[in-house]
Amino acid sequence: MTENESERDEQGRFAEQTSDDDILRVIRESEFPAVTARWVADTVGMKRRPVHQRLEELHDQGKLERGKLSPRVVIWWIPNNEE
């Protein structure tokens, strides 16, 4: 593999170096009760769009809750039963 190539996951997407557990950990350890995708992206060093996709997947798995503050602002938090 050359240095310009990245590994892909089973679905053919480029694999991220940050795990779901890493994402959940930074949310759990946040000083805030809920966070935005931008905040998570800045904290783990990823771009916002892939983080948003990962947050959606974690939500679908029941590991995160979400709420809309406005049409463009979504907040994410770990449900009480997951803590």
PDB file of N, CA and C in Angstrom:
ATOM      1  N   MET A   1       0.845  -1.172   0.000  1.00  0.00           N
ATOM      2  CA  MET A   1       0.000   0.000   0.000  1.00  0.00           C
ATOM      3  C   MET A   1       0.894   1.240   0.000  1.00  0.00           C
ATOM      4  N   THR A   2       0.612   2.182  -0.875  1.00  0.00           N
ATOM      5  CA  THR A   2       1.401   3.407  -0.907  1.00  0.00           C
ATOM      6  C   THR A   2       0.910   4.341   0.180  1.00  0.00           C
ATOM      7  N   GLU A   3       1.693   5.395   0.458  1.00  0.00           N
ATOM      8  CA  GLU A   3       1.281   6.294   1.523  1.00  0.00           C
ATOM      9  C   GLU A   3       0.061   7.118   1.149  1.00  0.00           C
ATOM     10  N   ASN A   4      -0.313   7.198  -0.131  1.00  0.00           N
ATOM     11  CA  ASN A   4      -1.504   7.930  -0.551  1.00  0.00           C
ATOM     12  C   ASN A   4      -2.759   7.075  -0.522  1.00  0.00           C
ATOM     13  N   GLU A   5      -2.623   5.775  -0.310  1.00  0.00           N
ATOM     14  CA  GLU A   5      -3.773   4.890  -0.250  1.00  0.00           C
ATOM     15  C   GLU A   5      -4.205   4.703   1.199  1.00  0.00           C
ATOM     16  N   SER A   6      -5.500   4.490   1.389  1.00  0.00           N
ATOM     17  CA  SER A   6      -6.031   4.206   2.722  1.00  0.00           C
ATOM     18  C   SER A   6      -6.721   2.863   2.691  1.00  0.00           C
ATOM     19  N   GLU A   7      -6.767   2.209   3.836  1.00  0.00           N
ATOM     20  CA  GLU A   7      -7.473   0.942   3.927  1.00  0.00           C
ATOM     21  C   GLU A   7      -8.962   1.195   3.836  1.00  0.00           C
ATOM     22  N   ARG A   8      -9.683   0.214   3.273  1.00  0.00           N
ATOM     23  CA  ARG A   8     -11.130   0.327   3.183  1.00  0.00           C
ATOM     24  C   ARG A   8     -11.769  -0.714   4.081  1.00  0.00           C
ATOM     25  N   ASP A   9     -12.996  -0.407   4.552  1.00  0.00           N
ATOM     26  CA  ASP A   9     -13.719  -1.367   5.377  1.00  0.00           C
ATOM     27  C   ASP A   9     -14.479  -2.352   4.503  1.00  0.00           C
ATOM     28  N   GLU A  10     -15.306  -3.203   5.130  1.00  0.00           N
ATOM     29  CA  GLU A  10     -16.012  -4.253   4.399  1.00  0.00           C
ATOM     30  C   GLU A  10     -16.980  -3.703   3.352  1.00  0.00           C
ATOM     31  N   GLN A  11     -17.491  -2.486   3.549  1.00  0.00           N
ATOM     32  CA  GLN A  11     -18.417  -1.881   2.591  1.00  0.00           C
ATOM     33  C   GLN A  11     -17.696  -1.072   1.513  1.00  0.00           C
ATOM     34  N   GLY A  12     -16.369  -1.087   1.501  1.00  0.00           N
ATOM     35  CA  GLY A  12     -15.606  -0.361   0.503  1.00  0.00           C
ATOM     36  C   GLY A  12     -15.342   1.088   0.866  1.00  0.00           C
ATOM     37  N   ARG A  13     -15.813   1.512   2.048  1.00  0.00           N
ATOM     38  CA  ARG A  13     -15.568   2.885   2.488  1.00  0.00           C
ATOM     39  C   ARG A  13     -14.162   2.955   3.071  1.00  0.00           C
ATOM     40  N   PHE A  14     -13.576   4.141   3.034  1.00  0.00           N
ATOM     41  CA  PHE A  14     -12.286   4.310   3.660  1.00  0.00           C
ATOM     42  C   PHE A  14     -12.429   4.124   5.165  1.00  0.00           C
ATOM     43  N   ALA A  15     -11.610   3.278   5.724  1.00  0.00           N
ATOM     44  CA  ALA A  15     -11.661   2.992   7.157  1.00  0.00           C
ATOM     45  C   ALA A  15     -11.120   4.195   7.930  1.00  0.00           C
ATOM     46  N   GLU A  16     -11.759   4.506   9.025  1.00  0.00           N
ATOM     47  CA  GLU A  16     -11.314   5.599   9.884  1.00  0.00           C
ATOM     48  C   GLU A  16     -10.394   5.038  10.960  1.00  0.00           C
ATOM     49  N   GLN A  17      -9.472   5.841  11.402  1.00  0.00           N
ATOM     50  CA  GLN A  17      -8.569   5.428  12.468  1.00  0.00           C
ATOM     51  C   GLN A  17      -9.228   5.561  13.835  1.00  0.00           C
ATOM     52  N   THR A  18     -10.295   6.345  13.931  1.00  0.00           N
ATOM     53  CA  THR A  18     -10.992   6.563  15.186  1.00  0.00           C
ATOM     54  C   THR A  18     -12.116   5.543  15.310  1.00  0.00           C
ATOM     55  N   SER A  19     -12.141   4.809  16.409  1.00  0.00           N
ATOM     56  CA  SER A  19     -13.161   3.770  16.603  1.00  0.00           C
ATOM     57  C   SER A  19     -14.455   4.376  17.154  1.00  0.00           C
ATOM     58  N   ASP A  20     -15.527   3.599  17.070  1.00  0.00           N
ATOM     59  CA  ASP A  20     -16.794   4.004  17.682  1.00  0.00           C
ATOM     60  C   ASP A  20     -16.607   4.190  19.180  1.00  0.00           C
ATOM     61  N   ASP A  21     -15.827   3.323  19.799  1.00  0.00           N
ATOM     62  CA  ASP A  21     -15.561   3.452  21.236  1.00  0.00           C
ATOM     63  C   ASP A  21     -14.858   4.766  21.556  1.00  0.00           C
ATOM     64  N   ASP A  22     -13.943   5.203  20.674  1.00  0.00           N
ATOM     65  CA  ASP A  22     -13.273   6.493  20.864  1.00  0.00           C
ATOM     66  C   ASP A  22     -14.289   7.627  20.825  1.00  0.00           C
ATOM     67  N   ILE A  23     -15.204   7.562  19.866  1.00  0.00           N
ATOM     68  CA  ILE A  23     -16.232   8.602  19.720  1.00  0.00           C
ATOM     69  C   ILE A  23     -17.128   8.618  20.949  1.00  0.00           C
ATOM     70  N   LEU A  24     -17.588   7.454  21.382  1.00  0.00           N
ATOM     71  CA  LEU A  24     -18.436   7.384  22.566  1.00  0.00           C
ATOM     72  C   LEU A  24     -17.691   7.865  23.811  1.00  0.00           C
ATOM     73  N   ARG A  25     -16.422   7.549  23.909  1.00  0.00           N
ATOM     74  CA  ARG A  25     -15.624   7.968  25.077  1.00  0.00           C
ATOM     75  C   ARG A  25     -15.529   9.485  25.162  1.00  0.00           C
ATOM     76  N   VAL A  26     -15.253  10.170  24.029  1.00  0.00           N
ATOM     77  CA  VAL A  26     -15.126  11.632  24.099  1.00  0.00           C
ATOM     78  C   VAL A  26     -16.466  12.284  24.421  1.00  0.00           C
ATOM     79  N   ILE A  27     -17.566  11.683  23.966  1.00  0.00           N
ATOM     80  CA  ILE A  27     -18.881  12.219  24.320  1.00  0.00           C
ATOM     81  C   ILE A  27     -19.141  12.002  25.803  1.00  0.00           C
ATOM     82  N   ARG A  28     -18.851  10.806  26.294  1.00  0.00           N
ATOM     83  CA  ARG A  28     -19.057  10.471  27.711  1.00  0.00           C
ATOM     84  C   ARG A  28     -18.214  11.374  28.615  1.00  0.00           C
ATOM     85  N   GLU A  29     -16.996  11.672  28.206  1.00  0.00           N
ATOM     86  CA  GLU A  29     -16.084  12.460  29.033  1.00  0.00           C
ATOM     87  C   GLU A  29     -16.235  13.966  28.845  1.00  0.00           C
ATOM     88  N   SER A  30     -17.117  14.375  27.942  1.00  0.00           N
ATOM     89  CA  SER A  30     -17.327  15.798  27.681  1.00  0.00           C
ATOM     90  C   SER A  30     -17.870  16.496  28.916  1.00  0.00           C
ATOM     91  N   GLU A  31     -17.528  17.759  29.056  1.00  0.00           N
ATOM     92  CA  GLU A  31     -18.081  18.562  30.147  1.00  0.00           C
ATOM     93  C   GLU A  31     -19.521  18.981  29.854  1.00  0.00           C
ATOM     94  N   PHE A  32     -20.004  18.715  28.645  1.00  0.00           N
ATOM     95  CA  PHE A  32     -21.339  19.114  28.216  1.00  0.00           C
ATOM     96  C   PHE A  32     -22.294  17.925  28.260  1.00  0.00           C
ATOM     97  N   PRO A  33     -23.575  18.148  28.529  1.00  0.00           N
ATOM     98  CA  PRO A  33     -24.541  17.039  28.534  1.00  0.00           C
ATOM     99  C   PRO A  33     -24.853  16.510  27.134  1.00  0.00           C
ATOM    100  N   ALA A  34     -24.636  17.341  26.117  1.00  0.00           N
ATOM    101  CA  ALA A  34     -24.846  16.948  24.722  1.00  0.00           C
ATOM    102  C   ALA A  34     -23.826  17.686  23.870  1.00  0.00           C
ATOM    103  N   VAL A  35     -23.492  17.102  22.721  1.00  0.00           N
ATOM    104  CA  VAL A  35     -22.461  17.683  21.855  1.00  0.00           C
ATOM    105  C   VAL A  35     -22.951  17.709  20.406  1.00  0.00           C
ATOM    106  N   THR A  36     -22.254  18.476  19.582  1.00  0.00           N
ATOM    107  CA  THR A  36     -22.545  18.521  18.151  1.00  0.00           C
ATOM    108  C   THR A  36     -21.528  17.671  17.397  1.00  0.00           C
ATOM    109  N   ALA A  37     -21.855  17.339  16.166  1.00  0.00           N
ATOM    110  CA  ALA A  37     -20.915  16.595  15.317  1.00  0.00           C
ATOM    111  C   ALA A  37     -19.630  17.396  15.124  1.00  0.00           C
ATOM    112  N   ARG A  38     -19.740  18.711  14.992  1.00  0.00           N
ATOM    113  CA  ARG A  38     -18.555  19.567  14.830  1.00  0.00           C
ATOM    114  C   ARG A  38     -17.653  19.445  16.055  1.00  0.00           C
ATOM    115  N   TRP A  39     -18.230  19.454  17.258  1.00  0.00           N
ATOM    116  CA  TRP A  39     -17.440  19.341  18.470  1.00  0.00           C
ATOM    117  C   TRP A  39     -16.714  17.999  18.505  1.00  0.00           C
ATOM    118  N   VAL A  40     -17.428  16.907  18.192  1.00  0.00           N
ATOM    119  CA  VAL A  40     -16.813  15.579  18.176  1.00  0.00           C
ATOM    120  C   VAL A  40     -15.695  15.547  17.136  1.00  0.00           C
ATOM    121  N   ALA A  41     -15.967  16.073  15.939  1.00  0.00           N
ATOM    122  CA  ALA A  41     -14.968  16.078  14.865  1.00  0.00           C
ATOM    123  C   ALA A  41     -13.698  16.804  15.299  1.00  0.00           C
ATOM    124  N   ASP A  42     -13.861  17.980  15.892  1.00  0.00           N
ATOM    125  CA  ASP A  42     -12.698  18.750  16.350  1.00  0.00           C
ATOM    126  C   ASP A  42     -11.947  18.011  17.458  1.00  0.00           C
ATOM    127  N   THR A  43     -12.679  17.323  18.323  1.00  0.00           N
ATOM    128  CA  THR A  43     -12.059  16.626  19.456  1.00  0.00           C
ATOM    129  C   THR A  43     -11.274  15.396  19.018  1.00  0.00           C
ATOM    130  N   VAL A  44     -11.819  14.626  18.066  1.00  0.00           N
ATOM    131  CA  VAL A  44     -11.129  13.400  17.646  1.00  0.00           C
ATOM    132  C   VAL A  44     -10.251  13.602  16.412  1.00  0.00           C
ATOM    133  N   GLY A  45     -10.283  14.792  15.822  1.00  0.00           N
ATOM    134  CA  GLY A  45      -9.417  15.080  14.683  1.00  0.00           C
ATOM    135  C   GLY A  45      -9.903  14.486  13.369  1.00  0.00           C
ATOM    136  N   MET A  46     -11.218  14.482  13.178  1.00  0.00           N
ATOM    137  CA  MET A  46     -11.805  13.998  11.923  1.00  0.00           C
ATOM    138  C   MET A  46     -12.597  15.130  11.272  1.00  0.00           C
ATOM    139  N   LYS A  47     -12.983  14.917  10.027  1.00  0.00           N
ATOM    140  CA  LYS A  47     -13.863  15.871   9.356  1.00  0.00           C
ATOM    141  C   LYS A  47     -15.286  15.669   9.860  1.00  0.00           C
ATOM    142  N   ARG A  48     -16.092  16.738   9.795  1.00  0.00           N
ATOM    143  CA  ARG A  48     -17.431  16.701  10.362  1.00  0.00           C
ATOM    144  C   ARG A  48     -18.344  15.695   9.673  1.00  0.00           C
ATOM    145  N   ARG A  49     -18.315  15.616   8.355  1.00  0.00           N
ATOM    146  CA  ARG A  49     -19.247  14.738   7.635  1.00  0.00           C
ATOM    147  C   ARG A  49     -19.088  13.264   8.020  1.00  0.00           C
ATOM    148  N   PRO A  50     -17.857  12.713   8.022  1.00  0.00           N
ATOM    149  CA  PRO A  50     -17.717  11.316   8.452  1.00  0.00           C
ATOM    150  C   PRO A  50     -18.125  11.108   9.917  1.00  0.00           C
ATOM    151  N   VAL A  51     -17.874  12.104  10.770  1.00  0.00           N
ATOM    152  CA  VAL A  51     -18.297  11.986  12.165  1.00  0.00           C
ATOM    153  C   VAL A  51     -19.814  11.947  12.232  1.00  0.00           C
ATOM    154  N   HIS A  52     -20.465  12.806  11.477  1.00  0.00           N
ATOM    155  CA  HIS A  52     -21.935  12.821  11.479  1.00  0.00           C
ATOM    156  C   HIS A  52     -22.481  11.458  11.044  1.00  0.00           C
ATOM    157  N   GLN A  53     -21.887  10.866  10.023  1.00  0.00           N
ATOM    158  CA  GLN A  53     -22.320   9.539   9.572  1.00  0.00           C
ATOM    159  C   GLN A  53     -22.131   8.494  10.675  1.00  0.00           C
ATOM    160  N   ARG A  54     -21.010   8.565  11.362  1.00  0.00           N
ATOM    161  CA  ARG A  54     -20.746   7.618  12.453  1.00  0.00           C
ATOM    162  C   ARG A  54     -21.727   7.824  13.595  1.00  0.00           C
ATOM    163  N   LEU A  55     -22.051   9.079  13.907  1.00  0.00           N
ATOM    164  CA  LEU A  55     -23.026   9.362  14.958  1.00  0.00           C
ATOM    165  C   LEU A  55     -24.395   8.813  14.580  1.00  0.00           C
ATOM    166  N   GLU A  56     -24.767   8.951  13.321  1.00  0.00           N
ATOM    167  CA  GLU A  56     -26.042   8.389  12.844  1.00  0.00           C
ATOM    168  C   GLU A  56     -26.055   6.868  13.025  1.00  0.00           C
ATOM    169  N   GLU A  57     -24.953   6.216  12.692  1.00  0.00           N
ATOM    170  CA  GLU A  57     -24.863   4.761  12.847  1.00  0.00           C
ATOM    171  C   GLU A  57     -24.964   4.359  14.322  1.00  0.00           C
ATOM    172  N   LEU A  58     -24.303   5.104  15.196  1.00  0.00           N
ATOM    173  CA  LEU A  58     -24.376   4.820  16.625  1.00  0.00           C
ATOM    174  C   LEU A  58     -25.798   5.053  17.140  1.00  0.00           C
ATOM    175  N   HIS A  59     -26.480   6.048  16.597  1.00  0.00           N
ATOM    176  CA  HIS A  59     -27.873   6.297  16.962  1.00  0.00           C
ATOM    177  C   HIS A  59     -28.741   5.120  16.518  1.00  0.00           C
ATOM    178  N   ASP A  60     -28.542   4.645  15.297  1.00  0.00           N
ATOM    179  CA  ASP A  60     -29.304   3.501  14.790  1.00  0.00           C
ATOM    180  C   ASP A  60     -29.087   2.250  15.639  1.00  0.00           C
ATOM    181  N   GLN A  61     -27.904   2.136  16.245  1.00  0.00           N
ATOM    182  CA  GLN A  61     -27.581   0.993  17.100  1.00  0.00           C
ATOM    183  C   GLN A  61     -28.093   1.183  18.533  1.00  0.00           C
ATOM    184  N   GLY A  62     -28.695   2.344  18.811  1.00  0.00           N
ATOM    185  CA  GLY A  62     -29.219   2.621  20.137  1.00  0.00           C
ATOM    186  C   GLY A  62     -28.182   3.091  21.140  1.00  0.00           C
ATOM    187  N   LYS A  63     -26.990   3.435  20.664  1.00  0.00           N
ATOM    188  CA  LYS A  63     -25.925   3.850  21.576  1.00  0.00           C
ATOM    189  C   LYS A  63     -25.916   5.349  21.827  1.00  0.00           C
ATOM    190  N   LEU A  64     -26.634   6.117  20.995  1.00  0.00           N
ATOM    191  CA  LEU A  64     -26.731   7.569  21.148  1.00  0.00           C
ATOM    192  C   LEU A  64     -28.166   8.012  20.944  1.00  0.00           C
ATOM    193  N   GLU A  65     -28.499   9.128  21.565  1.00  0.00           N
ATOM    194  CA  GLU A  65     -29.755   9.822  21.310  1.00  0.00           C
ATOM    195  C   GLU A  65     -29.414  11.109  20.580  1.00  0.00           C
ATOM    196  N   ARG A  66     -30.408  11.681  19.911  1.00  0.00           N
ATOM    197  CA  ARG A  66     -30.168  12.940  19.219  1.00  0.00           C
ATOM    198  C   ARG A  66     -31.394  13.826  19.338  1.00  0.00           C
ATOM    199  N   GLY A  67     -31.164  15.110  19.166  1.00  0.00           N
ATOM    200  CA  GLY A  67     -32.238  16.090  19.163  1.00  0.00           C
ATOM    201  C   GLY A  67     -31.848  17.243  18.269  1.00  0.00           C
ATOM    202  N   LYS A  68     -32.859  17.884  17.681  1.00  0.00           N
ATOM    203  CA  LYS A  68     -32.605  19.029  16.803  1.00  0.00           C
ATOM    204  C   LYS A  68     -32.908  20.320  17.556  1.00  0.00           C
ATOM    205  N   LEU A  69     -31.930  21.186  17.608  1.00  0.00           N
ATOM    206  CA  LEU A  69     -32.132  22.500  18.197  1.00  0.00           C
ATOM    207  C   LEU A  69     -32.683  23.472  17.159  1.00  0.00           C
ATOM    208  N   SER A  70     -32.337  23.228  15.907  1.00  0.00           N
ATOM    209  CA  SER A  70     -32.814  24.019  14.774  1.00  0.00           C
ATOM    210  C   SER A  70     -32.661  23.127  13.544  1.00  0.00           C
ATOM    211  N   PRO A  71     -33.128  23.560  12.376  1.00  0.00           N
ATOM    212  CA  PRO A  71     -32.983  22.712  11.193  1.00  0.00           C
ATOM    213  C   PRO A  71     -31.524  22.322  10.885  1.00  0.00           C
ATOM    214  N   ARG A  72     -30.573  23.130  11.335  1.00  0.00           N
ATOM    215  CA  ARG A  72     -29.166  22.858  11.030  1.00  0.00           C
ATOM    216  C   ARG A  72     -28.330  22.419  12.223  1.00  0.00           C
ATOM    217  N   VAL A  73     -28.908  22.396  13.408  1.00  0.00           N
ATOM    218  CA  VAL A  73     -28.139  22.055  14.609  1.00  0.00           C
ATOM    219  C   VAL A  73     -28.729  20.816  15.268  1.00  0.00           C
ATOM    220  N   VAL A  74     -27.925  19.741  15.267  1.00  0.00           N
ATOM    221  CA  VAL A  74     -28.310  18.484  15.913  1.00  0.00           C
ATOM    222  C   VAL A  74     -27.361  18.253  17.076  1.00  0.00           C
ATOM    223  N   ILE A  75     -27.930  17.857  18.213  1.00  0.00           N
ATOM    224  CA  ILE A  75     -27.095  17.521  19.367  1.00  0.00           C
ATOM    225  C   ILE A  75     -27.205  16.026  19.628  1.00  0.00           C
ATOM    226  N   TRP A  76     -26.147  15.482  20.212  1.00  0.00           N
ATOM    227  CA  TRP A  76     -26.032  14.039  20.462  1.00  0.00           C
ATOM    228  C   TRP A  76     -25.666  13.830  21.920  1.00  0.00           C
ATOM    229  N   TRP A  77     -26.226  12.766  22.545  1.00  0.00           N
ATOM    230  CA  TRP A  77     -25.864  12.418  23.910  1.00  0.00           C
ATOM    231  C   TRP A  77     -26.026  10.919  24.106  1.00  0.00           C
ATOM    232  N   ILE A  78     -25.368  10.428  25.137  1.00  0.00           N
ATOM    233  CA  ILE A  78     -25.433   9.007  25.467  1.00  0.00           C
ATOM    234  C   ILE A  78     -26.649   8.799  26.367  1.00  0.00           C
ATOM    235  N   PRO A  79     -27.542   7.878  26.020  1.00  0.00           N
ATOM    236  CA  PRO A  79     -28.723   7.652  26.856  1.00  0.00           C
ATOM    237  C   PRO A  79     -28.324   7.200  28.254  1.00  0.00           C
ATOM    238  N   ASN A  80     -29.147   7.489  29.226  1.00  0.00           N
ATOM    239  CA  ASN A  80     -28.856   7.133  30.625  1.00  0.00           C
ATOM    240  C   ASN A  80     -28.591   5.653  30.804  1.00  0.00           C
ATOM    241  N   ASN A  81     -29.285   4.793  30.038  1.00  0.00           N
ATOM    242  CA  ASN A  81     -29.106   3.350  30.198  1.00  0.00           C
ATOM    243  C   ASN A  81     -27.780   2.860  29.623  1.00  0.00           C
ATOM    244  N   GLU A  82     -27.039   3.690  28.881  1.00  0.00           N
ATOM    245  CA  GLU A  82     -25.743   3.306  28.305  1.00  0.00           C
ATOM    246  C   GLU A  82     -24.581   3.759  29.177  1.00  0.00           C
ATOM    247  N   GLU A  83     -24.829   4.606  30.143  1.00  0.00           N
ATOM    248  CA  GLU A  83     -23.723   5.148  30.957  1.00  0.00           C
ATOM    249  C   GLU A  83     -23.299   4.173  31.937  1.00  0.00           C
TER     250      GLU A  83
END
